[in-house]
């Protein structure tokens, strides 16, 4: 910490404490995440190493910049990031901030550009949710927290289904899939898109994977051979778990104020069968982004009610 002056705590995440600091040599304000192993004999935390490796892949407008890395005498790793002003969760919860359809389009555009960059490099983020969508003072969205991110795409890459925060978790992971793709992130993006339209989390299960599946199937219908041919091969289904037959609810009955192009894109993301979900690139090429209204310029987004 010799090169930084600590200013204040910004919060605590899954893996460590985050502080705001000032870089002595440049005067730049940064966020420092200190990640410490649970036991000193373990050495440097592997999560920190993974995040460093992945973030060094990027120089992208919509992905958080890793400014510096250093270690402390107690074997903690400190990751130094550009500092953000707020995040999407705070914006959504602040009812004094209005979010227009044009604002929603800008937020979604920024997030999809970040995810496209990840997927182009065969990286799954695996923890997309509003509080990991940060904003700089100039309105630039920055995707952050790559602690759960993994490389994918090699033959038979096995990944833990214990990833992605529950309300943003796709049905294939809830059913125990250990081989999954970029479609898992797209489901999470679709949930965030829906949350922007509703101003509340869209699929709010009750703390368990089964409850979350119930919520998803109530909206999108029970899996069948026609809407998701491979679902019966997933672990929870092979153990004999069954659901009552439930028809889907038409999406436009839920998002009554959304235009048809918006509904069309949302439907293309929130598809039970991961093989039928749009990719990030397909989403970005959807007419939704070229139709009126144009996305709000980022510098005109309202990020606080102060």
C-alpha atoms as a PDB file:
ATOM      1  CA  UNK A   1       0.000   0.000   0.000  1.00  0.00           C
ATOM      2  CA  UNK A   2       3.059   2.297  -0.067  1.00  0.00           C
ATOM      3  CA  UNK A   3       1.964   3.825  -3.386  1.00  0.00           C
ATOM      4  CA  UNK A   4      -1.611   4.572  -2.285  1.00  0.00           C
ATOM      5  CA  UNK A   5      -3.375   6.681   0.321  1.00  0.00           C
ATOM      6  CA  UNK A   6      -6.498   4.950   1.662  1.00  0.00           C
ATOM      7  CA  UNK A   7      -9.575   7.176   1.755  1.00  0.00           C
ATOM      8  CA  UNK A   8     -12.596   5.080   2.775  1.00  0.00           C
ATOM      9  CA  UNK A   9     -14.196   1.642   2.682  1.00  0.00           C
ATOM     10  CA  UNK A  10     -16.370   0.953  -0.359  1.00  0.00           C
ATOM     11  CA  UNK A  11     -17.736  -2.364   0.862  1.00  0.00           C
ATOM     12  CA  UNK A  12     -16.984  -6.057   1.210  1.00  0.00           C
ATOM     13  CA  UNK A  13     -17.514  -8.666  -1.492  1.00  0.00           C
ATOM     14  CA  UNK A  14     -17.395 -12.449  -1.604  1.00  0.00           C
ATOM     15  CA  UNK A  15     -13.621 -12.552  -1.641  1.00  0.00           C
ATOM     16  CA  UNK A  16     -12.445  -9.464   0.207  1.00  0.00           C
ATOM     17  CA  UNK A  17     -12.699  -5.853   1.316  1.00  0.00           C
ATOM     18  CA  UNK A  18     -12.818  -2.977  -1.194  1.00  0.00           C
ATOM     19  CA  UNK A  19     -11.387   0.461  -0.347  1.00  0.00           C
ATOM     20  CA  UNK A  20     -11.169   3.738  -2.213  1.00  0.00           C
ATOM     21  CA  UNK A  21      -7.642   5.109  -2.414  1.00  0.00           C
ATOM     22  CA  UNK A  22      -5.563   7.741  -4.185  1.00  0.00           C
ATOM     23  CA  UNK A  23      -2.562   6.743  -6.258  1.00  0.00           C
ATOM     24  CA  UNK A  24       0.313   8.903  -4.977  1.00  0.00           C
ATOM     25  CA  UNK A  25       2.201   9.122  -8.260  1.00  0.00           C
ATOM     26  CA  UNK A  26      -0.746  10.209 -10.416  1.00  0.00           C
ATOM     27  CA  UNK A  27      -3.404  11.525  -8.026  1.00  0.00           C
ATOM     28  CA  UNK A  28      -5.844   9.074  -9.602  1.00  0.00           C
ATOM     29  CA  UNK A  29      -8.649   7.684  -7.450  1.00  0.00           C
ATOM     30  CA  UNK A  30      -8.878   3.899  -7.522  1.00  0.00           C
ATOM     31  CA  UNK A  31     -10.684   1.008  -5.871  1.00  0.00           C
ATOM     32  CA  UNK A  32      -8.466  -1.562  -4.158  1.00  0.00           C
ATOM     33  CA  UNK A  33      -9.844  -5.055  -3.551  1.00  0.00           C
ATOM     34  CA  UNK A  34      -7.810  -6.960  -0.970  1.00  0.00           C
ATOM     35  CA  UNK A  35      -8.180 -10.719  -1.375  1.00  0.00           C
ATOM     36  CA  UNK A  36      -6.733 -12.885   1.367  1.00  0.00           C
ATOM     37  CA  UNK A  37      -6.529 -16.655   1.610  1.00  0.00           C
ATOM     38  CA  UNK A  38      -8.573 -18.168   4.409  1.00  0.00           C
ATOM     39  CA  UNK A  39      -5.453 -19.887   5.746  1.00  0.00           C
ATOM     40  CA  UNK A  40      -2.004 -18.345   5.431  1.00  0.00           C
ATOM     41  CA  UNK A  41      -0.403 -21.679   4.528  1.00  0.00           C
ATOM     42  CA  UNK A  42      -2.473 -21.756   1.337  1.00  0.00           C
ATOM     43  CA  UNK A  43      -0.429 -18.930  -0.182  1.00  0.00           C
ATOM     44  CA  UNK A  44      -1.928 -16.509  -2.689  1.00  0.00           C
ATOM     45  CA  UNK A  45      -5.673 -16.814  -3.223  1.00  0.00           C
ATOM     46  CA  UNK A  46      -6.352 -18.667  -6.487  1.00  0.00           C
ATOM     47  CA  UNK A  47      -9.470 -16.596  -7.182  1.00  0.00           C
ATOM     48  CA  UNK A  48      -7.291 -13.482  -7.293  1.00  0.00           C
ATOM     49  CA  UNK A  49      -4.869 -15.134  -9.714  1.00  0.00           C
ATOM     50  CA  UNK A  50      -7.730 -16.140 -11.992  1.00  0.00           C
ATOM     51  CA  UNK A  51      -9.234 -12.638 -11.973  1.00  0.00           C
ATOM     52  CA  UNK A  52      -5.844 -11.063 -12.730  1.00  0.00           C
ATOM     53  CA  UNK A  53      -5.251 -13.456 -15.627  1.00  0.00           C
ATOM     54  CA  UNK A  54      -8.666 -12.821 -17.170  1.00  0.00           C
ATOM     55  CA  UNK A  55      -8.730  -9.046 -16.756  1.00  0.00           C
ATOM     56  CA  UNK A  56      -5.303  -8.656 -18.321  1.00  0.00           C
ATOM     57  CA  UNK A  57      -6.950  -9.960 -21.497  1.00  0.00           C
ATOM     58  CA  UNK A  58      -8.999  -6.783 -21.746  1.00  0.00           C
ATOM     59  CA  UNK A  59      -8.771  -3.205 -22.833  1.00  0.00           C
ATOM     60  CA  UNK A  60     -12.444  -2.539 -23.443  1.00  0.00           C
ATOM     61  CA  UNK A  61     -14.589   0.506 -22.814  1.00  0.00           C
ATOM     62  CA  UNK A  62     -17.225  -1.498 -20.941  1.00  0.00           C
ATOM     63  CA  UNK A  63     -15.005  -3.788 -18.842  1.00  0.00           C
ATOM     64  CA  UNK A  64     -13.434  -2.603 -15.605  1.00  0.00           C
ATOM     65  CA  UNK A  65      -9.751  -1.699 -15.950  1.00  0.00           C
ATOM     66  CA  UNK A  66      -7.248  -3.529 -13.766  1.00  0.00           C
ATOM     67  CA  UNK A  67      -4.801  -0.706 -12.992  1.00  0.00           C
ATOM     68  CA  UNK A  68      -2.287  -2.461 -10.749  1.00  0.00           C
ATOM     69  CA  UNK A  69      -1.647  -5.599  -8.693  1.00  0.00           C
ATOM     70  CA  UNK A  70       0.500  -6.002  -5.599  1.00  0.00           C
ATOM     71  CA  UNK A  71       0.836  -8.315  -2.606  1.00  0.00           C
ATOM     72  CA  UNK A  72       1.042  -7.573   1.096  1.00  0.00           C
ATOM     73  CA  UNK A  73       3.298  -9.186   3.737  1.00  0.00           C
ATOM     74  CA  UNK A  74       0.366 -11.316   4.963  1.00  0.00           C
ATOM     75  CA  UNK A  75       0.056 -12.895   1.476  1.00  0.00           C
ATOM     76  CA  UNK A  76      -3.049 -10.950   0.488  1.00  0.00           C
ATOM     77  CA  UNK A  77      -3.364  -9.919  -3.151  1.00  0.00           C
ATOM     78  CA  UNK A  78      -4.512  -6.360  -3.827  1.00  0.00           C
ATOM     79  CA  UNK A  79      -6.240  -5.730  -7.151  1.00  0.00           C
ATOM     80  CA  UNK A  80      -6.401  -2.055  -8.099  1.00  0.00           C
ATOM     81  CA  UNK A  81      -9.272  -0.971 -10.359  1.00  0.00           C
ATOM     82  CA  UNK A  82     -10.548   2.257 -11.806  1.00  0.00           C
ATOM     83  CA  UNK A  83     -13.076   3.581  -9.303  1.00  0.00           C
ATOM     84  CA  UNK A  84     -16.793   3.666 -10.135  1.00  0.00           C
ATOM     85  CA  UNK A  85     -19.378   6.210  -9.045  1.00  0.00           C
ATOM     86  CA  UNK A  86     -22.375   3.867  -8.667  1.00  0.00           C
ATOM     87  CA  UNK A  87     -23.863   0.621  -9.959  1.00  0.00           C
ATOM     88  CA  UNK A  88     -27.012  -0.509 -11.717  1.00  0.00           C
ATOM     89  CA  UNK A  89     -28.555  -2.008  -8.582  1.00  0.00           C
ATOM     90  CA  UNK A  90     -28.395   1.354  -6.794  1.00  0.00           C
ATOM     91  CA  UNK A  91     -29.906   3.093  -9.838  1.00  0.00           C
ATOM     92  CA  UNK A  92     -32.753   0.561 -10.063  1.00  0.00           C
ATOM     93  CA  UNK A  93     -33.562   0.891  -6.379  1.00  0.00           C
ATOM     94  CA  UNK A  94     -33.559   4.694  -6.421  1.00  0.00           C
ATOM     95  CA  UNK A  95     -37.146   5.588  -7.333  1.00  0.00           C
ATOM     96  CA  UNK A  96     -36.149   9.240  -7.715  1.00  0.00           C
ATOM     97  CA  UNK A  97     -34.271   8.204 -10.876  1.00  0.00           C
ATOM     98  CA  UNK A  98     -36.467   7.600 -13.903  1.00  0.00           C
ATOM     99  CA  UNK A  99     -35.290   5.012 -16.443  1.00  0.00           C
ATOM    100  CA  UNK A 100     -36.706   5.654 -19.908  1.00  0.00           C
ATOM    101  CA  UNK A 101     -36.853   3.122 -22.739  1.00  0.00           C
ATOM    102  CA  UNK A 102     -33.898   4.968 -24.306  1.00  0.00           C
ATOM    103  CA  UNK A 103     -31.936   4.689 -21.033  1.00  0.00           C
ATOM    104  CA  UNK A 104     -32.690   0.965 -20.870  1.00  0.00           C
ATOM    105  CA  UNK A 105     -31.411   0.597 -24.427  1.00  0.00           C
ATOM    106  CA  UNK A 106     -28.104   2.285 -23.538  1.00  0.00           C
ATOM    107  CA  UNK A 107     -27.637   0.142 -20.424  1.00  0.00           C
ATOM    108  CA  UNK A 108     -28.342  -3.073 -22.345  1.00  0.00           C
ATOM    109  CA  UNK A 109     -26.126  -2.008 -25.254  1.00  0.00           C
ATOM    110  CA  UNK A 110     -23.170  -1.422 -22.923  1.00  0.00           C
ATOM    111  CA  UNK A 111     -23.659  -4.713 -21.098  1.00  0.00           C
ATOM    112  CA  UNK A 112     -23.963  -6.725 -24.311  1.00  0.00           C
ATOM    113  CA  UNK A 113     -20.809  -5.121 -25.724  1.00  0.00           C
ATOM    114  CA  UNK A 114     -18.920  -6.191 -22.596  1.00  0.00           C
ATOM    115  CA  UNK A 115     -20.309  -9.726 -22.773  1.00  0.00           C
ATOM    116  CA  UNK A 116     -19.576 -10.001 -26.487  1.00  0.00           C
ATOM    117  CA  UNK A 117     -15.943  -9.108 -25.722  1.00  0.00           C
ATOM    118  CA  UNK A 118     -15.834 -11.797 -23.016  1.00  0.00           C
ATOM    119  CA  UNK A 119     -17.363 -14.479 -25.203  1.00  0.00           C
ATOM    120  CA  UNK A 120     -15.113 -13.581 -28.150  1.00  0.00           C
ATOM    121  CA  UNK A 121     -12.223 -14.534 -25.825  1.00  0.00           C
ATOM    122  CA  UNK A 122     -14.009 -17.709 -24.616  1.00  0.00           C
ATOM    123  CA  UNK A 123     -14.616 -16.272 -21.169  1.00  0.00           C
ATOM    124  CA  UNK A 124     -17.828 -16.849 -19.227  1.00  0.00           C
ATOM    125  CA  UNK A 125     -18.495 -14.184 -16.597  1.00  0.00           C
ATOM    126  CA  UNK A 126     -20.869 -16.374 -14.520  1.00  0.00           C
ATOM    127  CA  UNK A 127     -22.002 -13.648 -12.130  1.00  0.00           C
ATOM    128  CA  UNK A 128     -23.948 -11.101 -14.150  1.00  0.00           C
ATOM    129  CA  UNK A 129     -26.278  -9.039 -11.961  1.00  0.00           C
ATOM    130  CA  UNK A 130     -27.030  -5.329 -11.543  1.00  0.00           C
ATOM    131  CA  UNK A 131     -24.504  -4.654  -8.781  1.00  0.00           C
ATOM    132  CA  UNK A 132     -21.682  -5.922 -11.013  1.00  0.00           C
ATOM    133  CA  UNK A 133     -22.600  -3.317 -13.652  1.00  0.00           C
ATOM    134  CA  UNK A 134     -20.680  -0.268 -12.464  1.00  0.00           C
ATOM    135  CA  UNK A 135     -20.812   3.297 -13.787  1.00  0.00           C
ATOM    136  CA  UNK A 136     -18.095   5.911 -14.061  1.00  0.00           C
ATOM    137  CA  UNK A 137     -18.962   9.566 -13.545  1.00  0.00           C
ATOM    138  CA  UNK A 138     -19.181  10.085 -17.322  1.00  0.00           C
ATOM    139  CA  UNK A 139     -21.934   7.436 -17.646  1.00  0.00           C
ATOM    140  CA  UNK A 140     -19.734   4.625 -18.973  1.00  0.00           C
ATOM    141  CA  UNK A 141     -20.911   1.215 -17.777  1.00  0.00           C
ATOM    142  CA  UNK A 142     -18.130  -1.106 -16.634  1.00  0.00           C
ATOM    143  CA  UNK A 143     -18.661  -4.826 -16.124  1.00  0.00           C
ATOM    144  CA  UNK A 144     -16.845  -5.874 -12.953  1.00  0.00           C
ATOM    145  CA  UNK A 145     -16.151  -8.799 -10.599  1.00  0.00           C
ATOM    146  CA  UNK A 146     -14.561 -11.572 -12.620  1.00  0.00           C
ATOM    147  CA  UNK A 147     -13.955 -13.743  -9.542  1.00  0.00           C
ATOM    148  CA  UNK A 148     -16.262 -16.493 -10.850  1.00  0.00           C
ATOM    149  CA  UNK A 149     -15.291 -16.134 -14.520  1.00  0.00           C
ATOM    150  CA  UNK A 150     -13.935 -19.191 -16.346  1.00  0.00           C
ATOM    151  CA  UNK A 151     -12.560 -20.114 -19.734  1.00  0.00           C
ATOM    152  CA  UNK A 152     -14.820 -22.413 -21.767  1.00  0.00           C
ATOM    153  CA  UNK A 153     -15.084 -23.897 -25.237  1.00  0.00           C
ATOM    154  CA  UNK A 154     -12.532 -26.703 -25.083  1.00  0.00           C
ATOM    155  CA  UNK A 155     -14.119 -30.127 -25.691  1.00  0.00           C
ATOM    156  CA  UNK A 156     -16.073 -31.319 -22.662  1.00  0.00           C
ATOM    157  CA  UNK A 157     -15.127 -28.400 -20.429  1.00  0.00           C
ATOM    158  CA  UNK A 158     -16.671 -29.217 -17.057  1.00  0.00           C
ATOM    159  CA  UNK A 159     -17.802 -26.294 -14.939  1.00  0.00           C
ATOM    160  CA  UNK A 160     -19.554 -26.140 -11.608  1.00  0.00           C
ATOM    161  CA  UNK A 161     -23.303 -25.485 -11.710  1.00  0.00           C
ATOM    162  CA  UNK A 162     -22.770 -23.610  -8.428  1.00  0.00           C
ATOM    163  CA  UNK A 163     -22.243 -20.290 -10.180  1.00  0.00           C
ATOM    164  CA  UNK A 164     -24.379 -17.239 -10.980  1.00  0.00           C
ATOM    165  CA  UNK A 165     -26.563 -15.505  -8.377  1.00  0.00           C
ATOM    166  CA  UNK A 166     -29.898 -17.303  -7.965  1.00  0.00           C
ATOM    167  CA  UNK A 167     -32.327 -14.806  -9.581  1.00  0.00           C
ATOM    168  CA  UNK A 168     -30.071 -14.543 -12.658  1.00  0.00           C
ATOM    169  CA  UNK A 169     -29.233 -18.245 -12.929  1.00  0.00           C
ATOM    170  CA  UNK A 170     -30.330 -20.115 -16.077  1.00  0.00           C
ATOM    171  CA  UNK A 171     -32.426 -23.286 -15.922  1.00  0.00           C
ATOM    172  CA  UNK A 172     -29.653 -25.571 -17.213  1.00  0.00           C
ATOM    173  CA  UNK A 173     -27.444 -24.725 -14.215  1.00  0.00           C
ATOM    174  CA  UNK A 174     -30.382 -25.035 -11.824  1.00  0.00           C
ATOM    175  CA  UNK A 175     -30.900 -28.546 -13.213  1.00  0.00           C
ATOM    176  CA  UNK A 176     -27.251 -29.388 -12.495  1.00  0.00           C
ATOM    177  CA  UNK A 177     -25.518 -28.941 -15.863  1.00  0.00           C
ATOM    178  CA  UNK A 178     -21.723 -29.133 -15.669  1.00  0.00           C
ATOM    179  CA  UNK A 179     -21.177 -28.504 -19.377  1.00  0.00           C
ATOM    180  CA  UNK A 180     -22.596 -25.172 -20.462  1.00  0.00           C
ATOM    181  CA  UNK A 181     -21.794 -22.265 -22.711  1.00  0.00           C
ATOM    182  CA  UNK A 182     -22.059 -18.525 -23.267  1.00  0.00           C
ATOM    183  CA  UNK A 183     -25.845 -19.015 -23.300  1.00  0.00           C
ATOM    184  CA  UNK A 184     -25.693 -19.107 -19.484  1.00  0.00           C
ATOM    185  CA  UNK A 185     -24.507 -15.478 -19.428  1.00  0.00           C
ATOM    186  CA  UNK A 186     -27.150 -14.489 -21.976  1.00  0.00           C
ATOM    187  CA  UNK A 187     -29.924 -15.731 -19.674  1.00  0.00           C
ATOM    188  CA  UNK A 188     -28.508 -13.467 -16.940  1.00  0.00           C
ATOM    189  CA  UNK A 189     -28.416 -10.511 -19.351  1.00  0.00           C
ATOM    190  CA  UNK A 190     -32.061 -11.223 -20.223  1.00  0.00           C
ATOM    191  CA  UNK A 191     -32.969 -11.142 -16.516  1.00  0.00           C
ATOM    192  CA  UNK A 192     -31.204  -7.773 -16.143  1.00  0.00           C
ATOM    193  CA  UNK A 193     -33.023  -6.469 -19.250  1.00  0.00           C
ATOM    194  CA  UNK A 194     -36.337  -7.550 -17.718  1.00  0.00           C
ATOM    195  CA  UNK A 195     -35.394  -5.878 -14.432  1.00  0.00           C
ATOM    196  CA  UNK A 196     -34.714  -2.597 -16.236  1.00  0.00           C
ATOM    197  CA  UNK A 197     -38.198  -2.758 -17.737  1.00  0.00           C
ATOM    198  CA  UNK A 198     -39.966  -3.736 -14.509  1.00  0.00           C
ATOM    199  CA  UNK A 199     -37.800  -1.872 -11.954  1.00  0.00           C
ATOM    200  CA  UNK A 200     -37.689  -5.052  -9.866  1.00  0.00           C
ATOM    201  CA  UNK A 201     -36.011  -8.457 -10.213  1.00  0.00           C
ATOM    202  CA  UNK A 202     -37.979 -10.484 -12.732  1.00  0.00           C
ATOM    203  CA  UNK A 203     -37.628 -14.063 -11.473  1.00  0.00           C
ATOM    204  CA  UNK A 204     -37.472 -14.017  -7.690  1.00  0.00           C
ATOM    205  CA  UNK A 205     -37.178 -17.558  -6.382  1.00  0.00           C
ATOM    206  CA  UNK A 206     -37.139 -18.307  -2.675  1.00  0.00           C
ATOM    207  CA  UNK A 207     -33.485 -19.096  -1.839  1.00  0.00           C
ATOM    208  CA  UNK A 208     -33.334 -22.583  -3.390  1.00  0.00           C
ATOM    209  CA  UNK A 209     -32.651 -23.902  -6.873  1.00  0.00           C
ATOM    210  CA  UNK A 210     -35.974 -25.794  -6.882  1.00  0.00           C
ATOM    211  CA  UNK A 211     -37.894 -22.635  -5.960  1.00  0.00           C
ATOM    212  CA  UNK A 212     -36.086 -20.752  -8.721  1.00  0.00           C
ATOM    213  CA  UNK A 213     -36.955 -23.444 -11.263  1.00  0.00           C
ATOM    214  CA  UNK A 214     -40.585 -23.268 -10.144  1.00  0.00           C
ATOM    215  CA  UNK A 215     -40.570 -19.515 -10.768  1.00  0.00           C
ATOM    216  CA  UNK A 216     -39.002 -19.915 -14.228  1.00  0.00           C
ATOM    217  CA  UNK A 217     -41.407 -22.685 -15.294  1.00  0.00           C
ATOM    218  CA  UNK A 218     -44.424 -20.685 -14.060  1.00  0.00           C
ATOM    219  CA  UNK A 219     -43.457 -17.964 -16.541  1.00  0.00           C
ATOM    220  CA  UNK A 220     -41.898 -19.859 -19.453  1.00  0.00           C
ATOM    221  CA  UNK A 221     -43.717 -23.165 -19.141  1.00  0.00           C
ATOM    222  CA  UNK A 222     -42.554 -26.621 -18.153  1.00  0.00           C
ATOM    223  CA  UNK A 223     -39.748 -28.143 -20.273  1.00  0.00           C
ATOM    224  CA  UNK A 224     -40.928 -30.538 -22.965  1.00  0.00           C
ATOM    225  CA  UNK A 225     -39.336 -32.487 -25.788  1.00  0.00           C
ATOM    226  CA  UNK A 226     -40.355 -29.725 -28.204  1.00  0.00           C
ATOM    227  CA  UNK A 227     -39.237 -26.613 -26.281  1.00  0.00           C
ATOM    228  CA  UNK A 228     -36.078 -28.168 -24.746  1.00  0.00           C
ATOM    229  CA  UNK A 229     -35.211 -31.593 -26.200  1.00  0.00           C
ATOM    230  CA  UNK A 230     -32.120 -32.247 -24.032  1.00  0.00           C
ATOM    231  CA  UNK A 231     -33.442 -31.256 -20.621  1.00  0.00           C
ATOM    232  CA  UNK A 232     -34.074 -34.873 -19.554  1.00  0.00           C
ATOM    233  CA  UNK A 233     -30.324 -35.600 -19.660  1.00  0.00           C
ATOM    234  CA  UNK A 234     -29.533 -33.092 -16.892  1.00  0.00           C
ATOM    235  CA  UNK A 235     -28.806 -34.404 -13.375  1.00  0.00           C
ATOM    236  CA  UNK A 236     -31.968 -33.286 -11.557  1.00  0.00           C
ATOM    237  CA  UNK A 237     -34.158 -34.723 -14.314  1.00  0.00           C
ATOM    238  CA  UNK A 238     -32.312 -38.044 -14.393  1.00  0.00           C
ATOM    239  CA  UNK A 239     -32.992 -38.335 -10.644  1.00  0.00           C
ATOM    240  CA  UNK A 240     -36.702 -38.328 -11.411  1.00  0.00           C
ATOM    241  CA  UNK A 241     -37.564 -34.780 -10.411  1.00  0.00           C
ATOM    242  CA  UNK A 242     -40.775 -33.701 -12.159  1.00  0.00           C
ATOM    243  CA  UNK A 243     -42.928 -30.594 -12.427  1.00  0.00           C
ATOM    244  CA  UNK A 244     -46.628 -30.179 -13.010  1.00  0.00           C
ATOM    245  CA  UNK A 245     -47.371 -29.297 -16.603  1.00  0.00           C
ATOM    246  CA  UNK A 246     -47.513 -25.536 -16.847  1.00  0.00           C
ATOM    247  CA  UNK A 247     -48.162 -23.464 -20.007  1.00  0.00           C
ATOM    248  CA  UNK A 248     -46.021 -20.365 -20.679  1.00  0.00           C
ATOM    249  CA  UNK A 249     -47.329 -16.868 -20.010  1.00  0.00           C
ATOM    250  CA  UNK A 250     -47.147 -14.625 -23.121  1.00  0.00           C
ATOM    251  CA  UNK A 251     -44.245 -12.245 -22.471  1.00  0.00           C
ATOM    252  CA  UNK A 252     -46.150  -9.196 -23.717  1.00  0.00           C
ATOM    253  CA  UNK A 253     -48.732  -9.798 -20.966  1.00  0.00           C
ATOM    254  CA  UNK A 254     -45.980  -9.272 -18.392  1.00  0.00           C
ATOM    255  CA  UNK A 255     -44.185  -6.351 -20.063  1.00  0.00           C
ATOM    256  CA  UNK A 256     -47.261  -4.436 -21.115  1.00  0.00           C
ATOM    257  CA  UNK A 257     -45.490  -1.096 -21.644  1.00  0.00           C
ATOM    258  CA  UNK A 258     -42.637  -2.508 -23.731  1.00  0.00           C
ATOM    259  CA  UNK A 259     -42.633  -2.111 -27.542  1.00  0.00           C
ATOM    260  CA  UNK A 260     -42.684  -5.193 -29.756  1.00  0.00           C
ATOM    261  CA  UNK A 261     -39.017  -5.008 -30.759  1.00  0.00           C
ATOM    262  CA  UNK A 262     -38.109  -4.952 -27.074  1.00  0.00           C
ATOM    263  CA  UNK A 263     -40.304  -8.004 -26.409  1.00  0.00           C
ATOM    264  CA  UNK A 264     -38.781  -9.794 -29.405  1.00  0.00           C
ATOM    265  CA  UNK A 265     -35.218  -9.321 -28.114  1.00  0.00           C
ATOM    266  CA  UNK A 266     -36.175 -10.330 -24.583  1.00  0.00           C
ATOM    267  CA  UNK A 267     -37.796 -13.519 -25.896  1.00  0.00           C
ATOM    268  CA  UNK A 268     -34.593 -14.318 -27.793  1.00  0.00           C
ATOM    269  CA  UNK A 269     -32.552 -14.221 -24.574  1.00  0.00           C
ATOM    270  CA  UNK A 270     -34.913 -15.851 -22.103  1.00  0.00           C
ATOM    271  CA  UNK A 271     -35.348 -19.191 -23.853  1.00  0.00           C
ATOM    272  CA  UNK A 272     -35.419 -22.413 -21.813  1.00  0.00           C
ATOM    273  CA  UNK A 273     -33.250 -24.306 -24.305  1.00  0.00           C
ATOM    274  CA  UNK A 274     -29.751 -22.751 -24.154  1.00  0.00           C
ATOM    275  CA  UNK A 275     -29.078 -23.893 -27.733  1.00  0.00           C
ATOM    276  CA  UNK A 276     -31.854 -21.580 -28.948  1.00  0.00           C
ATOM    277  CA  UNK A 277     -30.787 -18.429 -27.092  1.00  0.00           C
ATOM    278  CA  UNK A 278     -29.278 -15.606 -29.090  1.00  0.00           C
ATOM    279  CA  UNK A 279     -25.563 -14.953 -28.792  1.00  0.00           C
ATOM    280  CA  UNK A 280     -24.373 -11.522 -27.640  1.00  0.00           C
ATOM    281  CA  UNK A 281     -23.538 -10.645 -31.260  1.00  0.00           C
ATOM    282  CA  UNK A 282     -27.001 -11.661 -32.460  1.00  0.00           C
ATOM    283  CA  UNK A 283     -28.552  -9.534 -29.712  1.00  0.00           C
ATOM    284  CA  UNK A 284     -26.473  -6.513 -30.756  1.00  0.00           C
ATOM    285  CA  UNK A 285     -27.619  -6.958 -34.358  1.00  0.00           C
ATOM    286  CA  UNK A 286     -31.307  -7.084 -33.369  1.00  0.00           C
ATOM    287  CA  UNK A 287     -33.480  -4.271 -34.847  1.00  0.00           C
ATOM    288  CA  UNK A 288     -34.240  -3.135 -31.278  1.00  0.00           C
ATOM    289  CA  UNK A 289     -30.961  -1.208 -31.209  1.00  0.00           C
ATOM    290  CA  UNK A 290     -31.485   0.573 -34.538  1.00  0.00           C
ATOM    291  CA  UNK A 291     -35.168   1.374 -34.019  1.00  0.00           C
ATOM    292  CA  UNK A 292     -36.401   4.512 -32.266  1.00  0.00           C
ATOM    293  CA  UNK A 293     -35.834   5.637 -29.625  1.00  0.00           C
ATOM    294  CA  UNK A 294     -32.068   5.836 -30.000  1.00  0.00           C
ATOM    295  CA  UNK A 295     -30.050   4.835 -26.920  1.00  0.00           C
ATOM    296  CA  UNK A 296     -29.562   7.739 -24.525  1.00  0.00           C
ATOM    297  CA  UNK A 297     -25.997   9.096 -24.911  1.00  0.00           C
ATOM    298  CA  UNK A 298     -24.076   7.775 -21.915  1.00  0.00           C
ATOM    299  CA  UNK A 299     -23.107  11.270 -20.729  1.00  0.00           C
ATOM    300  CA  UNK A 300     -26.834  12.146 -20.455  1.00  0.00           C
ATOM    301  CA  UNK A 301     -27.777   9.169 -18.271  1.00  0.00           C
ATOM    302  CA  UNK A 302     -29.041  10.084 -14.799  1.00  0.00           C
ATOM    303  CA  UNK A 303     -26.992   8.081 -12.317  1.00  0.00           C
ATOM    304  CA  UNK A 304     -28.068   9.643  -9.033  1.00  0.00           C
ATOM    305  CA  UNK A 305     -30.804  11.807  -7.547  1.00  0.00           C
ATOM    306  CA  UNK A 306     -28.372  14.239  -5.865  1.00  0.00           C
END
